[in-house]
C-alpha atoms as a PDB file:
ATOM      1  CA  MET A   1      87.720  99.364  74.746  1.00  0.00           C
ATOM      2  CA  SER A   2      90.132  98.597  77.710  1.00  0.00           C
ATOM      3  CA  MET A   3      89.196  99.390  81.186  1.00  0.00           C
ATOM      4  CA  ALA A   4      91.305  99.742  84.368  1.00  0.00           C
ATOM      5  CA  ILE A   5      90.062  99.227  88.009  1.00  0.00           C
ATOM      6  CA  LYS A   6      92.014 100.498  91.088  1.00  0.00           C
ATOM      7  CA  ASN A   7      91.397  99.332  94.598  1.00  0.00           C
ATOM      8  CA  LEU A   8      91.096 102.484  96.701  1.00  0.00           C
ATOM      9  CA  THR A   9      90.729 100.767 100.058  1.00  0.00           C
ATOM     10  CA  LEU A  10      93.178  99.385 102.607  1.00  0.00           C
ATOM     11  CA  TRP A  11      91.786  95.851 102.236  1.00  0.00           C
ATOM     12  CA  PRO A  12      91.661  93.332  99.419  1.00  0.00           C
ATOM     13  CA  VAL A  13      88.662  93.613  97.144  1.00  0.00           C
ATOM     14  CA  THR A  14      87.197  90.730  95.151  1.00  0.00           C
ATOM     15  CA  ILE A  15      85.143  91.667  92.012  1.00  0.00           C
ATOM     16  CA  SER A  16      83.052  89.092  90.092  1.00  0.00           C
ATOM     17  CA  LEU A  17      83.281  89.873  86.379  1.00  0.00           C
ATOM     18  CA  ASN A  18      80.607  89.295  83.857  1.00  0.00           C
ATOM     19  CA  SER A  19      82.495  86.308  82.422  1.00  0.00           C
ATOM     20  CA  GLY A  20      82.201  84.498  85.726  1.00  0.00           C
ATOM     21  CA  THR A  21      85.793  85.056  86.788  1.00  0.00           C
ATOM     22  CA  ASP A  22      86.768  86.702  89.991  1.00  0.00           C
ATOM     23  CA  LEU A  23      89.344  89.488  90.183  1.00  0.00           C
ATOM     24  CA  ARG A  24      91.110  90.024  93.410  1.00  0.00           C
ATOM     25  CA  LEU A  25      92.841  93.362  93.959  1.00  0.00           C
ATOM     26  CA  ALA A  26      95.299  94.019  96.752  1.00  0.00           C
ATOM     27  CA  PRO A  27      95.158  97.568  98.470  1.00  0.00           C
ATOM     28  CA  GLY A  28      96.247 100.140  95.887  1.00  0.00           C
ATOM     29  CA  GLU A  29      96.510  97.554  93.120  1.00  0.00           C
ATOM     30  CA  VAL A  30      95.395  98.403  89.517  1.00  0.00           C
ATOM     31  CA  ALA A  31      93.927  95.891  87.108  1.00  0.00           C
ATOM     32  CA  ALA A  32      94.403  97.090  83.632  1.00  0.00           C
ATOM     33  CA  ASP A  33      93.374  95.785  80.233  1.00  0.00           C
ATOM     34  CA  LEU A  34      89.886  94.584  81.134  1.00  0.00           C
ATOM     35  CA  HIS A  35      87.369  94.581  78.417  1.00  0.00           C
ATOM     36  CA  GLU A  36      84.389  96.893  78.813  1.00  0.00           C
ATOM     37  CA  VAL A  37      81.944  94.035  78.575  1.00  0.00           C
ATOM     38  CA  GLU A  38      83.381  92.566  81.802  1.00  0.00           C
ATOM     39  CA  LEU A  39      82.097  95.595  83.681  1.00  0.00           C
ATOM     40  CA  LYS A  40      78.962  96.755  81.901  1.00  0.00           C
ATOM     41  CA  ASP A  41      75.770  96.422  83.972  1.00  0.00           C
ATOM     42  CA  ASN A  42      77.603  94.701  86.698  1.00  0.00           C
ATOM     43  CA  ALA A  43      75.823  95.446  90.048  1.00  0.00           C
ATOM     44  CA  LYS A  44      78.858  94.532  92.198  1.00  0.00           C
ATOM     45  CA  VAL A  45      81.166  96.920  90.307  1.00  0.00           C
ATOM     46  CA  GLU A  46      78.448  99.718  90.502  1.00  0.00           C
ATOM     47  CA  LYS A  47      78.119  99.223  94.198  1.00  0.00           C
ATOM     48  CA  LEU A  48      81.890  99.211  94.954  1.00  0.00           C
ATOM     49  CA  VAL A  49      82.187 102.505  92.780  1.00  0.00           C
ATOM     50  CA  GLN A  50      79.370 104.219  94.720  1.00  0.00           C
ATOM     51  CA  GLN A  51      81.045 103.127  98.007  1.00  0.00           C
ATOM     52  CA  ARG A  52      84.359 104.622  96.672  1.00  0.00           C
ATOM     53  CA  ALA A  53      86.044 101.283  97.158  1.00  0.00           C
ATOM     54  CA  ILE A  54      87.174 101.137  93.598  1.00  0.00           C
ATOM     55  CA  ALA A  55      87.875 103.420  90.684  1.00  0.00           C
ATOM     56  CA  VAL A  56      87.037 102.546  87.101  1.00  0.00           C
ATOM     57  CA  GLU A  57      88.701 104.284  84.241  1.00  0.00           C
ATOM     58  CA  ARG A  58      89.131 103.875  80.483  1.00  0.00           C
ATOM     59  CA  ALA A  59      92.689 102.753  79.846  1.00  0.00           C
ATOM     60  CA  SER A  60      94.455 105.365  77.602  1.00  0.00           C
ATOM     61  CA  GLU A  61      95.278 104.160  74.239  1.00  0.00           C
ATOM     62  CA  GLU A  62      98.284 106.494  74.219  1.00  0.00           C
ATOM     63  CA  ALA A  63      99.885 104.589  76.977  1.00  0.00           C
ATOM     64  CA  SER A  64      99.609 101.371  74.972  1.00  0.00           C
ATOM     65  CA  ASP A  65     101.084 103.160  71.970  1.00  0.00           C
ATOM     66  CA  ARG A  66     104.087 104.187  74.126  1.00  0.00           C
ATOM     67  CA  ARG A  67     105.075 100.619  74.717  1.00  0.00           C
ATOM     68  CA  GLU A  68     108.252  99.679  73.032  1.00  0.00           C
ATOM     69  CA  PRO A  69     108.055  97.008  70.555  1.00  0.00           C
ATOM     70  CA  THR A  70     109.796  93.659  71.412  1.00  0.00           C
ATOM     71  CA  ALA A  71     111.519  93.477  68.082  1.00  0.00           C
ATOM     72  CA  ASP A  72     114.934  91.857  67.592  1.00  0.00           C
ATOM     73  CA  LYS A  73     116.473  95.275  67.042  1.00  0.00           C
ATOM     74  CA  LYS A  74     118.749  96.410  69.873  1.00  0.00           C
ATOM     75  CA  LYS A  75     119.154 100.146  70.086  1.00  0.00           C
ATOM     76  CA  GLY A  76     122.680 101.671  70.047  1.00  0.00           C
ATOM     77  CA  ARG A  77     124.396  98.382  69.171  1.00  0.00           C
ATOM     78  CA  PRO A  78     125.879  97.766  65.709  1.00  0.00           C
ATOM     79  CA  ASP A  79     124.968  94.538  63.885  1.00  0.00           C
ATOM     80  CA  ARG A  80     127.332  91.693  64.612  1.00  0.00           C
ATOM     81  CA  PRO A  81     128.757  89.632  61.751  1.00  0.00           C
END
């Protein structure tokens, strides 16, 4: 399941993910499409959530379904010979 993290502070926040990579979020920035495993049982993430420095939410699957496909079809244009 995809997760999203939002920085709620006025300062940059660095989060160490379970994979060992660091995620840096600017003030108000949202990092989406993180796998749930990256955040599960992560003490740093839990501490930042308790301090209300970040917000963690499940990314809605409806939003990903609304994305337009990148097919070769162009809407509103007739096929050219």
